[in-house]
Structure formats: C-alpha cells, structure tokens
Amino acid sequence: MRFFVTGGAGFIGSHYVRALLRSVYPGREGADVTVLDRLTYAGNLANLASAAGHPQFTFVRGDIADGSLLKEVLPGHDVIVNFAAESHVDRSIDDAGDFVVTNVLGTQRLLQAALEYGVRTFVQVSTDEVYGSIDDGAWPETEPLLPNSPYSASKAGADLLCRAFHRTYGMDVRITRCSNNYGPWQYPEKIIPLFITSLFDGRKVPLYGDGQNVREWLHVEDHCRGIQLVLEKGSAGETYNIGGGTELTNLELVGGLLKAVGAGWDMVEYVADRPGHDRRYSIDTTKIRGLGYRPEVDFDDGLAAVVRWYADNEDFWRPLIEAAYPAVR
C-alpha cells in the first residue's frame, strides 16, 4: 500500500510516518510512504531524520494547494492522511489568511486531486476545537460545529468539505477529531514544550486569564494509533473523536510542569486572556472505542517522559527557540 502523508514533517505527522516505516501498525509492514510538506516554521526535516535513506520513503517539498504538483506526485497512491494545517490559535487571531488558504483551500485542492487520481481512502486529521466550548458533558461526533477562533473555523470548513466530497462524489473520506496533543518533537510554541523550554532557560511562563480553561490531553502516539485504527476499521463518511481521557485545567497542567522541571509558581506570569478563549473542551470517544481504541500512555508518565526528552534534546529545540525569539540567544 502506498501512503501519501501531507504535513508529514510536522509534530504529529512525523510521528505517524516514523511509525509506518518502523512497521508499528500490523498489516502495514513494508508500506511505501510519500511525505508532502511545505516546511513552514513548524515543519522540520529533523523530525524525519530517521526516515532519510529508507528505501520506502520519499519526501516532496510543496504545498497541498498546488494542483500542478499534486498532479505530478499523487497518482498511484492508495491512501491520503492529511495532517497539513496551520494550527496555532494565537497566530490565527493575528492573521487568519494563511489558515484559510492552507486549511480550507488546501484541503479542497487535495480532495479534488484524490478524486481525480483515484485515491482509495482520504483521512482528514481535524481537531476537537471545531465544536467550540462546552460547560458540561462531552461532545459526540454528531455535535454541531461552533468554532470560536479563526483556526478552528478554518478546520471546520475543511471538515465540511470532506463531508461534501463523500456525499457528493461517494469518496471514502474519514475524519478524526483529536483533543490536545503532547509528546516529543513538538514545536515549542505549544503550551507544554513552550513552558518546558522556557523554564529550562529560567524564563517566566505566561498563563492566560485565571488558568481555569480545561483541556483533554492526548499523547501523540495514542493519537496516531487512533488514526490508523480509523483507517483500518472505520467507515467511509464517518467522523471519530480521539481523546486521551485526561482533563486538566491549565492551572493543573502548569502545576505539573513546574513540579517536573523543579520550578516554583514565582516563574508563572498571569497575562490577559486570549480573545474568544474556549473555556472547556471535552470529547466523547465511545464511537472509536467501539473499534477497539484505548489510550495506552498514562498522562503523568507521558509528561515526565516528555520533560526528559526535551532535557536530552536541546539540539532539537534550541535552534527553533532562537529563530522564533532572537532575544533568548
């Protein structure tokens, strides 16, 4: 089977690619993998260093919105797994343009190419943020989409295009919506690696508002296992929530990070809340559990391992920090 993985040099996509090439997923041993990635600030070839030179791996630098490139490189592939996305909420608040182009137009171009070139299955990797905010309970996949940030609105638009291509053309399109991911190799603008690396450098970390916003945490390995399960056992036209089962307020998360790094609360700086900040996310994972999904990575163990990984891999994150924040040099 030939896999076409877009955004495969990013945090989550590269985990999936490395797992495929290591034959982690039963029945997919020896799969051919093509990665298409534009290598924006969050795409990093270092994430794919272990794949370089693998006989069944091909890397193509390019944009999912480039129809001419897709015509050249996509034919002959059986599966598309679309990780490609602009994904940082704060950046989308500053300027939504790139999010609309990549997440909406790019997904449309990729769907159109998949239709034209006979790709068998298209898996769209989405987010729980498309549901908006929930005070109590958890969202099932049938929940209406009520996104509150430009980022989540662009992902909701992409999801609706995926649904439309299934309904209109009969394409085998499957959507996954995950909770907040964490793990090694994550670009240090997201809260967990940002706080870890900042605390390592003795810099204070910013906490939005009162810190009572609630997120559910999912280790990237569990997320990728869930995606593969949807590919193997899911159904065309269906959506599947993938969660880690650990809900924490941001205050609780920060407390755990401070403890793991050996820092005190004096290293936390409270800042004005993000505009339109969703109060709580929570997803119902009953549907994917029916396929046999269970998260395997305990959050406390996973967080401790991530802190150790960043401590041991400064050569990964130091150049990224210095490029993004020159004042920390």
Protein backbone atom coordinates (compact mmCIF):
# COMPACT_ATOMS: atom_id res chain seq x y z
CA MET A 1 0.00 0.00 0.00
CA ARG A 2 1.22 3.49 -0.85
CA PHE A 3 0.60 6.22 1.72
CA PHE A 4 0.59 9.93 0.87
CA VAL A 5 1.09 11.84 4.12
CA THR A 6 0.69 15.60 3.95
CA GLY A 7 2.25 17.72 6.69
CA GLY A 8 4.42 14.72 7.47
CA ALA A 9 7.35 16.84 8.67
CA GLY A 10 5.26 18.35 11.46
CA PHE A 11 4.88 17.15 15.02
CA ILE A 12 2.00 14.68 14.65
CA GLY A 13 2.53 13.76 11.01
CA SER A 14 6.17 12.82 11.56
CA HIS A 15 5.21 10.51 14.43
CA TYR A 16 2.81 8.75 12.10
CA VAL A 17 5.39 8.47 9.32
CA ARG A 18 8.07 7.09 11.63
CA ALA A 19 5.60 4.52 12.97
CA LEU A 20 4.65 3.41 9.46
CA LEU A 21 8.28 3.00 8.43
CA ARG A 22 9.05 1.07 11.64
CA SER A 23 6.14 -1.27 10.79
CA VAL A 24 4.44 -0.45 14.09
CA TYR A 25 0.96 -0.97 12.64
CA PRO A 26 0.12 -4.65 12.00
CA GLY A 27 -0.65 -5.42 8.39
CA ARG A 28 1.12 -2.34 7.06
CA GLU A 29 4.65 -3.68 7.16
CA GLY A 30 6.61 -2.58 4.12
CA ALA A 31 4.31 0.32 3.25
CA ASP A 32 5.61 2.95 0.85
CA VAL A 33 5.33 6.45 2.29
CA THR A 34 5.46 9.76 0.44
CA VAL A 35 5.53 12.91 2.57
CA LEU A 36 4.43 16.24 1.14
CA ASP A 37 5.32 19.19 3.35
CA ARG A 38 5.82 22.89 2.66
CA LEU A 39 8.34 23.14 5.52
CA THR A 40 6.86 26.21 7.12
CA TYR A 41 8.22 27.25 10.51
CA ALA A 42 6.57 24.21 12.14
CA GLY A 43 7.71 21.67 9.54
CA ASN A 44 11.14 20.33 10.29
CA LEU A 45 13.19 17.78 8.38
CA ALA A 46 14.89 16.90 11.67
CA ASN A 47 11.59 15.22 12.59
CA LEU A 48 12.15 12.82 9.70
CA ALA A 49 15.88 12.25 10.13
CA SER A 50 15.34 8.59 10.98
CA ALA A 51 13.41 8.14 7.73
CA ALA A 52 16.10 9.64 5.50
CA GLY A 53 17.53 6.98 3.25
CA HIS A 54 14.76 4.48 3.96
CA PRO A 55 14.05 2.63 0.71
CA GLN A 56 10.29 3.06 1.06
CA PHE A 57 10.32 6.76 1.96
CA THR A 58 10.04 9.73 -0.40
CA PHE A 59 9.99 13.39 0.61
CA VAL A 60 8.49 16.12 -1.56
CA ARG A 61 8.65 19.76 -0.58
CA GLY A 62 5.48 21.51 -1.65
CA ASP A 63 2.04 22.87 -0.89
CA ILE A 64 -1.20 20.89 -0.75
CA ALA A 65 -2.84 23.82 -2.54
CA ASP A 66 -0.55 23.36 -5.57
CA GLY A 67 -2.72 21.44 -8.01
CA SER A 68 0.05 21.08 -10.59
CA LEU A 69 2.36 19.49 -8.04
CA LEU A 70 -0.37 17.13 -6.84
CA LYS A 71 -0.95 16.02 -10.43
CA GLU A 72 2.73 15.10 -10.60
CA VAL A 73 3.21 13.31 -7.28
CA LEU A 74 -0.16 11.93 -6.12
CA PRO A 75 -1.18 9.36 -8.78
CA GLY A 76 -0.52 5.78 -7.74
CA HIS A 77 -1.10 6.32 -4.03
CA ASP A 78 -3.81 4.38 -2.21
CA VAL A 79 -4.33 6.49 0.92
CA ILE A 80 -4.04 10.16 1.86
CA VAL A 81 -3.63 11.09 5.51
CA ASN A 82 -3.93 14.88 5.70
CA PHE A 83 -2.03 16.36 8.64
CA ALA A 84 -1.15 19.55 6.74
CA ALA A 85 -2.51 22.59 8.58
CA GLU A 86 -1.79 25.91 10.14
CA SER A 87 -2.65 25.10 13.75
CA HIS A 88 -1.69 27.79 16.26
CA VAL A 89 -4.69 29.70 17.60
CA ASP A 90 -2.75 32.83 18.59
CA ARG A 91 -1.28 33.11 15.10
CA SER A 92 -4.76 32.76 13.58
CA ILE A 93 -6.01 35.62 15.75
CA ASP A 94 -3.18 37.82 14.49
CA ASP A 95 -3.80 36.94 10.83
CA ALA A 96 -6.33 34.38 9.62
CA GLY A 97 -5.29 34.47 5.95
CA ASP A 98 -2.77 31.63 5.94
CA PHE A 99 -5.20 29.46 7.89
CA VAL A 100 -7.94 29.86 5.31
CA VAL A 101 -5.56 29.22 2.40
CA THR A 102 -3.92 26.10 3.85
CA ASN A 103 -6.71 24.58 5.90
CA VAL A 104 -9.67 25.28 3.62
CA LEU A 105 -8.38 25.85 0.08
CA GLY A 106 -5.54 23.37 0.55
CA THR A 107 -7.90 20.65 1.74
CA GLN A 108 -10.24 21.31 -1.19
CA ARG A 109 -7.38 21.01 -3.68
CA LEU A 110 -6.22 17.80 -2.03
CA LEU A 111 -9.72 16.32 -2.08
CA GLN A 112 -10.15 17.25 -5.73
CA ALA A 113 -6.85 15.63 -6.63
CA ALA A 114 -7.74 12.49 -4.66
CA LEU A 115 -11.00 12.28 -6.59
CA GLU A 116 -9.33 12.77 -9.96
CA TYR A 117 -6.44 10.36 -9.40
CA GLY A 118 -8.38 7.53 -7.80
CA VAL A 119 -7.04 7.62 -4.23
CA ARG A 120 -8.94 4.94 -2.36
CA THR A 121 -9.23 6.49 1.13
CA PHE A 122 -8.78 10.02 2.45
CA VAL A 123 -8.30 10.56 6.21
CA GLN A 124 -8.73 14.15 7.39
CA VAL A 125 -6.96 14.88 10.69
CA SER A 126 -9.00 17.52 12.50
CA THR A 127 -9.48 18.90 15.99
CA ASP A 128 -11.99 19.00 18.84
CA GLU A 129 -11.84 22.80 18.63
CA VAL A 130 -14.34 22.74 15.76
CA TYR A 131 -17.08 22.03 18.34
CA GLY A 132 -16.49 25.27 20.24
CA SER A 133 -16.72 25.27 24.03
CA ILE A 134 -18.75 23.03 26.35
CA ASP A 135 -19.60 23.65 30.02
CA ASP A 136 -20.66 20.12 30.97
CA GLY A 137 -20.54 16.68 29.43
CA ALA A 138 -18.68 15.75 26.26
CA TRP A 139 -19.21 16.23 22.54
CA PRO A 140 -20.28 13.27 20.39
CA GLU A 141 -19.39 13.36 16.71
CA THR A 142 -22.94 14.49 15.90
CA GLU A 143 -22.49 17.77 17.79
CA PRO A 144 -22.96 20.89 15.60
CA LEU A 145 -19.77 22.71 14.67
CA LEU A 146 -19.50 26.04 16.50
CA PRO A 147 -15.85 27.14 16.18
CA ASN A 148 -14.75 30.27 18.04
CA SER A 149 -11.30 31.06 16.61
CA PRO A 150 -10.16 31.65 13.02
CA TYR A 151 -8.06 28.48 13.34
CA SER A 152 -10.95 26.26 14.42
CA ALA A 153 -13.27 27.89 11.87
CA SER A 154 -10.82 27.01 9.09
CA LYS A 155 -10.63 23.41 10.31
CA ALA A 156 -14.42 23.22 10.49
CA GLY A 157 -14.57 24.45 6.89
CA ALA A 158 -12.17 21.70 5.86
CA ASP A 159 -14.24 19.09 7.68
CA LEU A 160 -17.39 20.22 5.88
CA LEU A 161 -15.64 20.00 2.53
CA CYS A 162 -14.61 16.43 3.39
CA ARG A 163 -18.21 15.58 4.23
CA ALA A 164 -19.39 17.17 0.98
CA PHE A 165 -16.92 15.19 -1.14
CA HIS A 166 -18.17 11.99 0.46
CA ARG A 167 -21.84 12.88 0.00
CA THR A 168 -21.47 14.32 -3.50
CA TYR A 169 -18.92 12.01 -5.09
CA GLY A 170 -19.07 8.92 -2.88
CA MET A 171 -15.43 9.32 -1.84
CA ASP A 172 -14.18 7.27 1.07
CA VAL A 173 -13.39 10.20 3.36
CA ARG A 174 -12.98 9.72 7.12
CA ILE A 175 -12.48 12.49 9.68
CA THR A 176 -10.71 12.26 13.02
CA ARG A 177 -11.01 14.96 15.70
CA CYS A 178 -8.44 14.86 18.47
CA SER A 179 -8.01 16.52 21.82
CA ASN A 180 -4.83 18.44 22.73
CA ASN A 181 -1.68 16.55 21.73
CA TYR A 182 1.65 16.39 23.53
CA GLY A 183 4.84 14.41 23.08
CA PRO A 184 8.44 14.66 21.86
CA TRP A 185 9.32 16.64 18.71
CA GLN A 186 6.55 19.20 19.29
CA TYR A 187 7.32 22.70 18.05
CA PRO A 188 7.94 24.92 21.11
CA GLU A 189 5.09 27.37 20.61
CA LYS A 190 2.54 24.98 22.11
CA ILE A 191 1.96 25.18 25.84
CA ILE A 192 3.79 22.06 27.05
CA PRO A 193 7.07 22.43 25.10
CA LEU A 194 6.93 26.23 25.41
CA PHE A 195 6.71 26.04 29.20
CA ILE A 196 9.32 23.27 29.48
CA THR A 197 11.91 25.06 27.35
CA SER A 198 11.21 28.46 28.92
CA LEU A 199 11.62 27.06 32.42
CA PHE A 200 14.84 25.32 31.41
CA ASP A 201 16.12 28.76 30.38
CA GLY A 202 14.92 30.44 33.58
CA ARG A 203 12.25 32.49 31.79
CA LYS A 204 8.80 33.06 33.22
CA VAL A 205 5.89 31.35 31.51
CA PRO A 206 2.60 33.08 30.56
CA LEU A 207 -0.73 31.80 31.87
CA TYR A 208 -3.88 33.12 30.24
CA GLY A 209 -6.65 34.60 32.40
CA ASP A 210 -7.49 32.70 35.57
CA GLY A 211 -5.98 29.42 34.34
CA GLN A 212 -9.29 27.57 34.66
CA ASN A 213 -9.64 26.69 30.98
CA VAL A 214 -9.97 22.91 30.68
CA ARG A 215 -8.31 20.73 28.04
CA GLU A 216 -8.17 16.99 27.47
CA TRP A 217 -4.66 15.68 26.82
CA LEU A 218 -3.69 13.00 24.32
CA HIS A 219 -0.22 11.57 23.76
CA VAL A 220 0.79 11.78 20.11
CA GLU A 221 1.46 8.03 19.94
CA ASP A 222 -2.09 7.28 21.07
CA HIS A 223 -3.40 9.80 18.56
CA CYS A 224 -1.54 8.16 15.69
CA ARG A 225 -2.74 4.72 16.79
CA GLY A 226 -6.28 6.09 16.70
CA ILE A 227 -5.82 7.48 13.21
CA GLN A 228 -4.54 4.15 11.95
CA LEU A 229 -7.46 2.35 13.60
CA VAL A 230 -9.90 4.64 11.78
CA LEU A 231 -8.09 3.87 8.53
CA GLU A 232 -8.20 0.12 9.15
CA LYS A 233 -11.62 -0.32 10.77
CA GLY A 234 -13.53 2.91 10.31
CA SER A 235 -16.26 3.58 7.77
CA ALA A 236 -16.46 5.92 4.82
CA GLY A 237 -18.13 9.24 5.57
CA GLU A 238 -17.79 8.86 9.33
CA THR A 239 -16.15 11.07 11.95
CA TYR A 240 -14.30 9.73 15.00
CA ASN A 241 -13.24 11.60 18.13
CA ILE A 242 -9.84 10.58 19.53
CA GLY A 243 -9.13 11.55 23.14
CA GLY A 244 -6.63 10.78 25.84
CA GLY A 245 -9.08 10.74 28.74
CA THR A 246 -7.17 13.19 30.97
CA GLU A 247 -8.90 16.54 31.57
CA LEU A 248 -6.93 19.25 33.34
CA THR A 249 -7.31 22.94 33.96
CA ASN A 250 -4.40 24.95 32.66
CA LEU A 251 -3.54 25.67 36.29
CA GLU A 252 -3.29 21.94 36.98
CA LEU A 253 -1.19 21.39 33.89
CA VAL A 254 1.18 24.22 34.80
CA GLY A 255 1.48 22.87 38.33
CA GLY A 256 2.54 19.51 36.94
CA LEU A 257 5.08 21.12 34.62
CA LEU A 258 6.56 23.23 37.40
CA LYS A 259 6.95 20.16 39.57
CA ALA A 260 8.52 18.13 36.77
CA VAL A 261 11.05 20.86 35.98
CA GLY A 262 11.71 21.75 39.62
CA ALA A 263 10.43 25.34 39.41
CA GLY A 264 8.09 27.35 41.62
CA TRP A 265 4.97 29.40 41.00
CA ASP A 266 7.09 32.55 41.00
CA MET A 267 8.00 31.54 37.44
CA VAL A 268 4.40 31.99 36.26
CA GLU A 269 3.22 35.31 34.85
CA TYR A 270 -0.54 35.82 34.52
CA VAL A 271 -1.43 37.56 31.26
CA ALA A 272 -4.61 38.90 29.67
CA ASP A 273 -6.87 36.16 28.36
CA ARG A 274 -6.84 35.23 24.68
CA PRO A 275 -9.74 36.75 22.66
CA GLY A 276 -12.56 34.21 22.27
CA HIS A 277 -10.74 31.72 24.50
CA ASP A 278 -12.76 28.49 24.71
CA ARG A 279 -13.42 27.58 28.33
CA ARG A 280 -13.57 23.81 28.08
CA TYR A 281 -13.14 21.06 25.51
CA SER A 282 -14.29 17.50 26.12
CA ILE A 283 -14.98 14.79 23.57
CA ASP A 284 -16.97 11.58 23.77
CA THR A 285 -14.82 8.71 22.47
CA THR A 286 -17.49 5.99 22.61
CA LYS A 287 -17.53 5.61 18.83
CA ILE A 288 -13.82 4.94 18.33
CA ARG A 289 -13.72 2.76 21.42
CA GLY A 290 -16.19 0.58 19.56
CA LEU A 291 -13.39 -0.03 17.04
CA GLY A 292 -11.08 -1.15 19.85
CA TYR A 293 -9.34 2.12 20.70
CA ARG A 294 -7.91 2.70 24.16
CA PRO A 295 -5.28 5.31 25.07
CA GLU A 296 -2.17 3.49 26.28
CA VAL A 297 0.06 6.30 27.58
CA ASP A 298 -0.65 7.38 31.17
CA PHE A 299 -0.58 11.18 31.29
CA ASP A 300 1.73 11.53 34.30
CA ASP A 301 4.19 9.05 32.83
CA GLY A 302 3.92 10.64 29.41
CA LEU A 303 4.50 14.15 30.72
CA ALA A 304 7.55 13.06 32.73
CA ALA A 305 8.95 11.36 29.63
CA VAL A 306 8.38 14.49 27.54
CA VAL A 307 10.22 16.66 30.07
CA ARG A 308 13.15 14.21 29.97
CA TRP A 309 13.08 14.21 26.17
CA TYR A 310 13.36 18.00 25.94
CA ALA A 311 16.10 17.94 28.57
CA ASP A 312 18.03 15.42 26.46
CA ASN A 313 17.35 17.01 23.06
CA GLU A 314 18.28 20.66 23.34
CA ASP A 315 19.79 20.41 19.86
CA PHE A 316 16.23 19.99 18.54
CA TRP A 317 14.51 22.91 20.26
CA ARG A 318 17.31 25.42 20.86
CA PRO A 319 17.62 26.50 17.20
CA LEU A 320 13.83 26.79 16.94
CA ILE A 321 13.62 28.97 20.04
CA GLU A 322 16.46 31.20 18.89
CA ALA A 323 14.93 31.61 15.42
CA ALA A 324 11.49 32.47 16.80
CA TYR A 325 12.62 34.53 19.77
CA PRO A 326 16.03 36.09 18.99
CA ALA A 327 16.12 37.82 22.39
CA VAL A 328 16.68 34.47 24.13
CA ARG A 329 20.03 33.91 22.44
